[in-house]
Amino acid sequence: MKPTKISDVYNYLSTGREITSMQAFVMFKATRLSAIIHVLRKRGHNIVSNNRVENGVRFSSYQLIPPDLK
């Protein structure tokens, strides 16, 4: 079975890395990262949003918090 974009993003986050919308688009061709994060949160995963500003541009990055650190 082909991995979905949701599972691709989850697997990436489960390695301890953060992801931005631009990274999700480049790596997985996922254009709606916020919708994927919403689904993962509904499934019970603790994902935090980190708001950032770089070069005057605002964006969010998302990070999965492991269950033992909730």
C-alpha atoms as a PDB file:
ATOM      1  CA  MET A   1       0.000   0.000   0.000  1.00  0.00           C
ATOM      2  CA  LYS A   2       1.269   3.461  -0.906  1.00  0.00           C
ATOM      3  CA  PRO A   3       2.007   5.739   2.048  1.00  0.00           C
ATOM      4  CA  THR A   4      -0.315   8.713   2.397  1.00  0.00           C
ATOM      5  CA  LYS A   5       0.796  12.271   2.923  1.00  0.00           C
ATOM      6  CA  ILE A   6      -0.521  11.995   6.477  1.00  0.00           C
ATOM      7  CA  SER A   7       1.682   8.990   7.212  1.00  0.00           C
ATOM      8  CA  ASP A   8       4.632  10.642   5.443  1.00  0.00           C
ATOM      9  CA  VAL A   9       4.344  13.728   7.663  1.00  0.00           C
ATOM     10  CA  TYR A  10       3.805  11.631  10.798  1.00  0.00           C
ATOM     11  CA  ASN A  11       6.856   9.478  10.049  1.00  0.00           C
ATOM     12  CA  TYR A  12       8.943  12.602   9.483  1.00  0.00           C
ATOM     13  CA  LEU A  13       7.760  14.202  12.735  1.00  0.00           C
ATOM     14  CA  SER A  14       8.290  10.981  14.688  1.00  0.00           C
ATOM     15  CA  THR A  15      12.036  11.299  14.066  1.00  0.00           C
ATOM     16  CA  GLY A  16      12.058  14.385  16.310  1.00  0.00           C
ATOM     17  CA  ARG A  17      12.257  16.972  13.546  1.00  0.00           C
ATOM     18  CA  GLU A  18      10.032  19.988  12.918  1.00  0.00           C
ATOM     19  CA  ILE A  19       8.258  20.646   9.636  1.00  0.00           C
ATOM     20  CA  THR A  20       7.003  23.776   7.877  1.00  0.00           C
ATOM     21  CA  SER A  21       4.494  24.087   5.062  1.00  0.00           C
ATOM     22  CA  MET A  22       7.284  24.730   2.573  1.00  0.00           C
ATOM     23  CA  GLN A  23       9.182  21.618   3.671  1.00  0.00           C
ATOM     24  CA  ALA A  24       6.008  19.516   3.466  1.00  0.00           C
ATOM     25  CA  PHE A  25       5.377  20.748  -0.059  1.00  0.00           C
ATOM     26  CA  VAL A  26       8.922  20.102  -1.251  1.00  0.00           C
ATOM     27  CA  MET A  27       9.301  16.685   0.405  1.00  0.00           C
ATOM     28  CA  PHE A  28       5.795  15.227   0.117  1.00  0.00           C
ATOM     29  CA  LYS A  29       3.917  17.522  -2.309  1.00  0.00           C
ATOM     30  CA  ALA A  30       1.546  18.239   0.595  1.00  0.00           C
ATOM     31  CA  THR A  31      -0.103  21.612   0.014  1.00  0.00           C
ATOM     32  CA  ARG A  32      -2.285  21.665   3.171  1.00  0.00           C
ATOM     33  CA  LEU A  33       0.009  20.859   6.071  1.00  0.00           C
ATOM     34  CA  SER A  34      -2.374  22.453   8.573  1.00  0.00           C
ATOM     35  CA  ALA A  35      -5.096  19.974   7.532  1.00  0.00           C
ATOM     36  CA  ILE A  36      -2.681  17.058   7.973  1.00  0.00           C
ATOM     37  CA  ILE A  37      -1.698  18.353  11.412  1.00  0.00           C
ATOM     38  CA  HIS A  38      -5.404  18.646  12.293  1.00  0.00           C
ATOM     39  CA  VAL A  39      -5.979  14.989  11.369  1.00  0.00           C
ATOM     40  CA  LEU A  40      -2.952  13.862  13.378  1.00  0.00           C
ATOM     41  CA  ARG A  41      -4.146  15.825  16.409  1.00  0.00           C
ATOM     42  CA  LYS A  42      -7.621  14.270  16.067  1.00  0.00           C
ATOM     43  CA  ARG A  43      -5.901  10.871  16.142  1.00  0.00           C
ATOM     44  CA  GLY A  44      -4.457  11.795  19.534  1.00  0.00           C
ATOM     45  CA  HIS A  45      -0.945  12.909  18.644  1.00  0.00           C
ATOM     46  CA  ASN A  46       0.422  15.834  20.642  1.00  0.00           C
ATOM     47  CA  ILE A  47       1.737  18.272  18.035  1.00  0.00           C
ATOM     48  CA  VAL A  48       2.769  21.786  18.974  1.00  0.00           C
ATOM     49  CA  SER A  49       2.919  24.815  16.698  1.00  0.00           C
ATOM     50  CA  ASN A  50       5.936  27.085  16.869  1.00  0.00           C
ATOM     51  CA  ASN A  51       5.252  30.506  15.359  1.00  0.00           C
ATOM     52  CA  ARG A  52       8.285  32.068  13.732  1.00  0.00           C
ATOM     53  CA  VAL A  53       9.329  35.190  11.891  1.00  0.00           C
ATOM     54  CA  GLU A  54      12.269  35.090   9.509  1.00  0.00           C
ATOM     55  CA  ASN A  55      13.142  37.921   7.130  1.00  0.00           C
ATOM     56  CA  GLY A  56       9.815  39.567   7.962  1.00  0.00           C
ATOM     57  CA  VAL A  57       7.820  36.458   7.007  1.00  0.00           C
ATOM     58  CA  ARG A  58       5.563  34.762   9.564  1.00  0.00           C
ATOM     59  CA  PHE A  59       5.066  31.008   9.457  1.00  0.00           C
ATOM     60  CA  SER A  60       4.569  28.017  11.725  1.00  0.00           C
ATOM     61  CA  SER A  61       6.585  24.905  12.224  1.00  0.00           C
ATOM     62  CA  TYR A  62       5.108  21.806  13.796  1.00  0.00           C
ATOM     63  CA  GLN A  63       6.727  19.370  16.195  1.00  0.00           C
ATOM     64  CA  LEU A  64       5.500  16.050  17.588  1.00  0.00           C
ATOM     65  CA  ILE A  65       5.825  15.706  21.350  1.00  0.00           C
ATOM     66  CA  PRO A  66       6.513  12.069  22.304  1.00  0.00           C
ATOM     67  CA  PRO A  67       3.826  10.469  24.536  1.00  0.00           C
ATOM     68  CA  ASP A  68       6.185  10.158  27.517  1.00  0.00           C
ATOM     69  CA  LEU A  69       6.848  13.934  27.492  1.00  0.00           C
ATOM     70  CA  LYS A  70       3.216  15.131  27.531  1.00  0.00           C
END
